[in-house]
Amino acid sequence: MSSRSDLTTTWQDHVRYLENEDGETFESAASGTEYESSQLVDRLKSEVDMMVDGENPSANGNTRPVPRIADSEGNYVLRDVVDQEWYDLIAGDGYEDAEQFVPFESTHGDTFVQYSPEESSPSPHQGWKVRVASYADEARDVAEAVLPYLQEHDISHKVMQDVQIFNNNEGTRQEGKFITIYPEIDEDRQDVVMENGMQLFKREDPGWNSFSINSNTKNARQIVEDLEDELEGSVAGLEGRTIDGKNGEEKQYGNTRIHFRYAHHFNTPAVIIDESGGLEQVGDHEGLVNKDGELVEGSYIGDQVDEATRPDRFLEL
């Protein structure tokens, strides 16, 4: 398989290459069968269509359309590039804009495909979120280990759209961030910290605000512990790529590919109430509320979070 540092191609790149090699023949390393470039283009597109339709080509044994065509270095490039993709795992119900995830066909230029729970669950304005890191050449294995669990438990999350976008994110803030998970508010706090669809904070009330700040801690912890079990017994494995993050805000769970951070979620505003009953509404991405009920920029990092729930203690590492 291509090395992680050299993994810059996609199946679309190979289609373009093969189309430019019209009339050339390529030999299968497995069977010795010769294929014309046009045949390989058709077979490559056929396998991608299988995945788009929700069928896993890897489950079909030797009947997979794409043959094992090796490049000059002996890498089975066609087979390996297609094996990186995870289309069939994000083509089901619940994923917003799932029909647009094929590269070059997205009308909105979406980077992620988002999974929305069947029933709307309380999501905080701010709270813990969890990430699973991956390299592009192992992303399918990671997806197969993580996504079924998230779907089964109806947990809001988003997935990197395709291997090309994954490759393009190298060297950016999104590098390695394959799956991002948004734990909902803990059941025992849903009816307390939410008011009219907004997360509630109080000016100069550290006790209340600490309760609201950490409103999804239990769910986040449970998800991380469950993911540890799912990955530990998987082909992908528990240890793997890490995420550097910005200013230390990404916290690694032990020595694993699981990370977590405290940040804003999405589409849920907050409201800060002062002693006189005045309200300050905080929109999405406008900032976070600290334990004093003040709006601050950036993200909670380390000791800026409540002592009892600092990121390095939140999972009792």
Protein backbone atom coordinates (compact mmCIF):
# COMPACT_ATOMS: atom_id res chain seq x y z
CA MET A 1 0.00 0.00 0.00
CA SER A 2 1.14 3.55 -0.60
CA SER A 3 2.96 5.13 2.28
CA ARG A 4 1.17 7.65 4.46
CA SER A 5 3.41 10.48 3.31
CA ASP A 6 3.00 9.63 -0.37
CA LEU A 7 -0.75 9.03 -0.33
CA THR A 8 -1.88 11.85 -2.60
CA THR A 9 -3.91 10.04 -5.25
CA THR A 10 -7.59 9.20 -5.45
CA TRP A 11 -9.57 6.94 -7.71
CA GLN A 12 -10.46 10.03 -9.76
CA ASP A 13 -6.75 10.66 -10.39
CA HIS A 14 -6.43 7.14 -11.73
CA VAL A 15 -9.46 7.56 -13.97
CA ARG A 16 -7.89 10.66 -15.49
CA TYR A 17 -4.55 8.87 -15.90
CA LEU A 18 -6.12 5.81 -17.52
CA GLU A 19 -8.22 7.94 -19.85
CA ASN A 20 -5.03 9.62 -21.02
CA GLU A 21 -3.49 6.19 -21.62
CA ASP A 22 -6.22 5.10 -24.03
CA GLY A 23 -5.12 2.01 -25.94
CA GLU A 24 -2.53 0.91 -23.38
CA THR A 25 -2.82 -2.49 -21.69
CA PHE A 26 -2.20 -3.32 -18.03
CA GLU A 27 -1.65 -6.75 -16.50
CA SER A 28 -3.32 -7.99 -13.32
CA ALA A 29 -0.72 -9.07 -10.79
CA ALA A 30 -3.12 -11.69 -9.44
CA SER A 31 -4.40 -13.43 -12.58
CA GLY A 32 -2.12 -12.21 -15.35
CA THR A 33 -5.18 -11.00 -17.27
CA GLU A 34 -4.55 -8.03 -19.52
CA TYR A 35 -6.91 -5.07 -19.44
CA GLU A 36 -7.18 -2.12 -21.75
CA SER A 37 -7.21 1.26 -20.06
CA SER A 38 -10.88 1.82 -20.98
CA GLN A 39 -11.80 -1.48 -19.27
CA LEU A 40 -10.04 -0.41 -16.09
CA VAL A 41 -11.86 2.91 -16.12
CA ASP A 42 -15.20 1.10 -16.35
CA ARG A 43 -14.27 -1.37 -13.60
CA LEU A 44 -13.01 1.38 -11.31
CA LYS A 45 -16.20 3.40 -11.72
CA SER A 46 -18.25 0.22 -11.22
CA GLU A 47 -16.66 -0.44 -7.85
CA VAL A 48 -17.20 3.13 -6.70
CA ASP A 49 -20.86 2.82 -7.73
CA MET A 50 -21.11 -0.31 -5.57
CA MET A 51 -19.90 1.65 -2.57
CA VAL A 52 -22.22 4.56 -3.27
CA ASP A 53 -25.10 2.05 -3.30
CA GLY A 54 -24.07 0.85 0.15
CA GLU A 55 -22.25 -2.32 -0.88
CA ASN A 56 -18.82 -3.08 0.54
CA PRO A 57 -16.66 -4.39 -2.33
CA SER A 58 -14.18 -5.85 0.15
CA ALA A 59 -16.83 -8.36 1.20
CA ASN A 60 -17.01 -9.87 -2.28
CA GLY A 61 -13.69 -11.69 -2.23
CA ASN A 62 -12.27 -12.22 -5.71
CA THR A 63 -15.35 -10.82 -7.43
CA ARG A 64 -14.37 -7.20 -6.85
CA PRO A 65 -14.37 -5.27 -10.13
CA VAL A 66 -10.98 -3.56 -9.71
CA PRO A 67 -8.08 -5.93 -10.47
CA ARG A 68 -4.71 -5.80 -8.76
CA ILE A 69 -2.78 -3.60 -11.16
CA ALA A 70 0.66 -2.76 -9.77
CA ASP A 71 2.59 0.42 -10.44
CA SER A 72 6.34 0.59 -11.07
CA GLU A 73 7.03 0.25 -7.33
CA GLY A 74 4.82 -2.79 -6.93
CA ASN A 75 1.95 -0.98 -5.18
CA TYR A 76 -1.51 -2.26 -6.14
CA VAL A 77 -2.62 1.28 -6.76
CA LEU A 78 -6.11 0.78 -8.15
CA ARG A 79 -7.14 -1.71 -5.50
CA ASP A 80 -5.55 0.22 -2.64
CA VAL A 81 -6.92 3.63 -3.61
CA VAL A 82 -10.47 2.30 -3.79
CA ASP A 83 -10.00 0.46 -0.49
CA GLN A 84 -9.31 3.79 1.20
CA GLU A 85 -12.77 5.10 0.43
CA TRP A 86 -15.69 4.73 2.84
CA TYR A 87 -18.61 5.79 0.62
CA ASP A 88 -20.88 2.88 1.53
CA LEU A 89 -20.52 3.66 5.23
CA ILE A 90 -21.87 7.21 4.85
CA ALA A 91 -24.52 6.59 2.19
CA GLY A 92 -27.30 5.59 4.57
CA ASP A 93 -30.11 7.48 6.24
CA GLY A 94 -29.20 10.18 8.71
CA TYR A 95 -26.25 11.68 6.82
CA GLU A 96 -27.04 15.16 5.59
CA ASP A 97 -26.12 15.81 1.95
CA ALA A 98 -25.02 12.19 1.62
CA GLU A 99 -25.82 12.24 -2.08
CA GLN A 100 -23.20 14.96 -2.50
CA PHE A 101 -20.22 13.25 -0.96
CA VAL A 102 -18.61 12.17 -4.25
CA PRO A 103 -15.69 14.54 -4.96
CA PHE A 104 -16.05 17.09 -7.75
CA GLU A 105 -19.85 16.74 -7.62
CA SER A 106 -20.56 18.61 -4.40
CA THR A 107 -22.59 21.74 -5.04
CA HIS A 108 -21.72 23.23 -1.66
CA GLY A 109 -18.05 22.24 -1.39
CA ASP A 110 -18.76 20.41 1.87
CA THR A 111 -15.73 19.05 3.67
CA PHE A 112 -17.63 16.73 6.00
CA VAL A 113 -20.71 14.57 5.78
CA GLN A 114 -22.81 15.07 8.89
CA TYR A 115 -24.90 12.45 10.66
CA SER A 116 -28.09 13.75 12.28
CA PRO A 117 -29.88 11.61 14.89
CA GLU A 118 -33.37 10.39 14.01
CA GLU A 119 -34.78 12.25 17.00
CA SER A 120 -33.43 15.67 17.86
CA SER A 121 -31.39 15.39 21.06
CA PRO A 122 -30.36 18.32 23.26
CA SER A 123 -27.02 19.61 22.04
CA PRO A 124 -25.13 22.20 24.10
CA HIS A 125 -23.93 25.54 22.85
CA GLN A 126 -20.58 24.52 24.28
CA GLY A 127 -19.24 21.31 25.72
CA TRP A 128 -16.95 18.37 25.13
CA LYS A 129 -16.52 16.92 21.68
CA VAL A 130 -14.58 13.83 20.72
CA ARG A 131 -12.39 13.17 17.68
CA VAL A 132 -10.99 10.03 16.13
CA ALA A 133 -7.75 10.58 14.20
CA SER A 134 -6.63 8.62 11.16
CA TYR A 135 -4.29 8.52 8.21
CA ALA A 136 -5.99 8.39 4.84
CA ASP A 137 -4.74 4.90 4.04
CA GLU A 138 -6.30 3.45 7.19
CA ALA A 139 -9.44 5.59 7.22
CA ARG A 140 -11.74 2.86 5.93
CA ASP A 141 -10.67 0.51 8.74
CA VAL A 142 -11.24 3.29 11.29
CA ALA A 143 -14.65 4.07 9.79
CA GLU A 144 -15.68 0.41 9.92
CA ALA A 145 -14.76 0.30 13.61
CA VAL A 146 -16.37 3.59 14.68
CA LEU A 147 -19.31 4.53 12.45
CA PRO A 148 -21.56 1.50 13.14
CA TYR A 149 -21.33 2.23 16.89
CA LEU A 150 -22.21 5.91 16.38
CA GLN A 151 -25.12 5.04 14.10
CA GLU A 152 -26.45 2.33 16.40
CA HIS A 153 -26.50 4.74 19.35
CA ASP A 154 -27.78 7.65 17.22
CA ILE A 155 -24.90 9.94 18.17
CA SER A 156 -24.39 13.16 16.23
CA HIS A 157 -21.12 13.19 14.31
CA LYS A 158 -19.43 14.21 11.08
CA VAL A 159 -17.03 12.31 8.84
CA MET A 160 -14.35 13.51 6.46
CA GLN A 161 -15.97 13.46 3.05
CA ASP A 162 -13.45 11.51 0.98
CA VAL A 163 -9.79 10.62 0.67
CA GLN A 164 -8.95 13.55 -1.60
CA ILE A 165 -10.16 16.12 0.92
CA PHE A 166 -8.37 14.15 3.62
CA ASN A 167 -5.13 14.44 1.63
CA ASN A 168 -5.71 18.13 0.98
CA ASN A 169 -6.01 18.76 4.72
CA GLU A 170 -2.41 17.74 5.37
CA GLY A 171 -0.60 20.71 6.89
CA THR A 172 -3.82 22.48 7.91
CA ARG A 173 -5.75 22.67 11.19
CA GLN A 174 -7.94 19.83 9.95
CA GLU A 175 -5.02 17.44 9.53
CA GLY A 176 -5.84 13.98 10.83
CA LYS A 177 -9.33 14.92 12.03
CA PHE A 178 -11.33 12.10 10.49
CA ILE A 179 -14.44 11.72 12.67
CA THR A 180 -15.77 14.41 15.03
CA ILE A 181 -18.42 13.43 17.59
CA TYR A 182 -20.84 15.73 19.42
CA PRO A 183 -22.08 14.20 22.70
CA GLU A 184 -25.52 15.40 23.72
CA ILE A 185 -26.32 16.94 27.09
CA ASP A 186 -26.39 14.44 29.97
CA GLU A 187 -29.91 13.25 30.68
CA ASP A 188 -29.95 14.58 34.25
CA ARG A 189 -29.09 18.10 33.05
CA GLN A 190 -31.18 18.45 29.90
CA ASP A 191 -34.18 20.00 31.62
CA VAL A 192 -32.00 22.20 33.81
CA VAL A 193 -29.43 23.91 31.58
CA MET A 194 -31.65 24.27 28.49
CA GLU A 195 -34.31 26.97 28.17
CA ASN A 196 -36.26 27.63 24.97
CA GLY A 197 -33.66 25.76 22.95
CA MET A 198 -30.74 27.71 24.43
CA GLN A 199 -28.06 26.73 26.93
CA LEU A 200 -28.51 28.74 30.11
CA PHE A 201 -25.76 30.58 32.02
CA LYS A 202 -25.94 33.12 34.85
CA ARG A 203 -23.83 36.21 35.37
CA GLU A 204 -21.47 35.90 38.37
CA ASP A 205 -22.77 32.48 39.41
CA PRO A 206 -19.76 30.11 39.20
CA GLY A 207 -21.63 27.19 40.74
CA TRP A 208 -24.44 27.26 38.20
CA ASN A 209 -22.13 27.97 35.29
CA SER A 210 -19.82 25.08 36.19
CA PHE A 211 -22.88 22.82 36.10
CA SER A 212 -23.80 24.12 32.64
CA ILE A 213 -20.23 24.20 31.32
CA ASN A 214 -19.86 20.49 31.98
CA SER A 215 -23.35 19.52 30.85
CA ASN A 216 -22.26 16.69 28.52
CA THR A 217 -19.34 15.27 30.51
CA LYS A 218 -20.98 11.92 31.30
CA ASN A 219 -22.00 11.26 27.71
CA ALA A 220 -18.59 12.29 26.40
CA ARG A 221 -16.83 10.00 28.85
CA GLN A 222 -19.10 7.08 27.95
CA ILE A 223 -18.51 7.59 24.22
CA VAL A 224 -14.74 7.67 24.68
CA GLU A 225 -14.78 4.49 26.76
CA ASP A 226 -17.00 2.74 24.21
CA LEU A 227 -14.78 3.85 21.33
CA GLU A 228 -11.79 2.46 23.17
CA ASP A 229 -13.47 -0.95 23.19
CA GLU A 230 -14.58 -0.71 19.54
CA LEU A 231 -11.13 0.27 18.27
CA GLU A 232 -9.14 -2.08 20.47
CA GLY A 233 -10.64 -5.14 18.82
CA SER A 234 -10.64 -3.72 15.29
CA VAL A 235 -8.34 -3.95 12.28
CA ALA A 236 -7.56 -0.25 12.68
CA GLY A 237 -6.43 -0.60 16.27
CA LEU A 238 -6.64 1.75 19.23
CA GLU A 239 -3.27 3.44 18.81
CA GLY A 240 -2.61 5.50 15.73
CA ARG A 241 -2.42 9.00 14.43
CA THR A 242 -2.50 11.92 16.86
CA ILE A 243 -3.87 15.44 16.48
CA ASP A 244 -1.71 18.39 17.50
CA GLY A 245 -4.57 20.87 17.64
CA LYS A 246 -4.17 24.56 18.37
CA ASN A 247 -2.65 25.90 21.61
CA GLY A 248 -2.97 22.50 23.25
CA GLU A 249 -6.77 22.44 23.08
CA GLU A 250 -6.83 18.93 21.60
CA LYS A 251 -6.29 16.43 24.40
CA GLN A 252 -5.17 12.90 23.56
CA TYR A 253 -6.86 10.05 25.41
CA GLY A 254 -3.94 8.08 26.77
CA ASN A 255 -1.78 6.80 23.94
CA THR A 256 -4.65 6.34 21.50
CA ARG A 257 -6.09 7.84 18.31
CA ILE A 258 -8.99 9.22 20.40
CA HIS A 259 -8.92 12.92 21.29
CA PHE A 260 -11.25 15.34 23.04
CA ARG A 261 -11.55 19.06 23.54
CA TYR A 262 -13.88 21.66 24.98
CA ALA A 263 -15.42 23.94 22.36
CA HIS A 264 -18.62 25.28 20.85
CA HIS A 265 -20.98 22.79 19.24
CA PHE A 266 -23.26 23.91 16.43
CA ASN A 267 -26.68 25.47 15.91
CA THR A 268 -27.37 25.91 19.62
CA PRO A 269 -27.24 29.45 21.04
CA ALA A 270 -26.59 30.33 24.67
CA VAL A 271 -28.21 32.91 26.92
CA ILE A 272 -26.59 34.69 29.89
CA ILE A 273 -28.96 36.00 32.57
CA ASP A 274 -27.94 38.77 34.97
CA GLU A 275 -29.34 39.50 38.42
CA SER A 276 -31.85 42.01 37.07
CA GLY A 277 -33.25 39.46 34.61
CA GLY A 278 -31.50 40.96 31.61
CA LEU A 279 -30.52 38.59 28.84
CA GLU A 280 -27.47 38.38 26.60
CA GLN A 281 -27.90 35.94 23.78
CA VAL A 282 -24.82 34.26 22.33
CA GLY A 283 -25.08 32.91 18.81
CA ASP A 284 -23.30 29.98 17.22
CA HIS A 285 -19.51 30.50 17.05
CA GLU A 286 -19.75 33.87 18.85
CA GLY A 287 -17.72 32.63 21.81
CA LEU A 288 -17.88 30.52 24.96
CA VAL A 289 -19.21 31.37 28.40
CA ASN A 290 -16.84 30.90 31.35
CA LYS A 291 -17.67 30.02 34.95
CA ASP A 292 -18.23 33.70 35.82
CA GLY A 293 -20.87 34.02 33.14
CA GLU A 294 -18.66 36.08 30.85
CA LEU A 295 -18.35 35.63 27.11
CA VAL A 296 -14.76 34.80 26.14
CA GLU A 297 -13.02 34.20 22.84
CA GLY A 298 -11.20 31.01 21.91
CA SER A 299 -11.55 27.71 23.69
CA TYR A 300 -11.15 26.46 27.23
CA ILE A 301 -7.63 25.11 27.60
CA GLY A 302 -6.21 23.20 30.57
CA ASP A 303 -6.60 25.12 33.81
CA GLN A 304 -9.16 27.49 32.30
CA VAL A 305 -11.69 24.72 32.80
CA ASP A 306 -13.17 23.89 36.20
CA GLU A 307 -10.51 22.18 38.35
CA ALA A 308 -12.65 19.05 38.71
CA THR A 309 -13.16 18.67 35.00
CA ARG A 310 -9.94 19.85 33.42
CA PRO A 311 -9.31 18.02 30.15
CA ASP A 312 -6.45 16.00 31.65
CA ARG A 313 -8.75 14.84 34.51
CA PHE A 314 -12.06 14.64 32.72
CA LEU A 315 -11.45 11.00 31.76
CA GLU A 316 -9.45 10.19 34.90
CA LEU A 317 -6.30 9.41 32.94
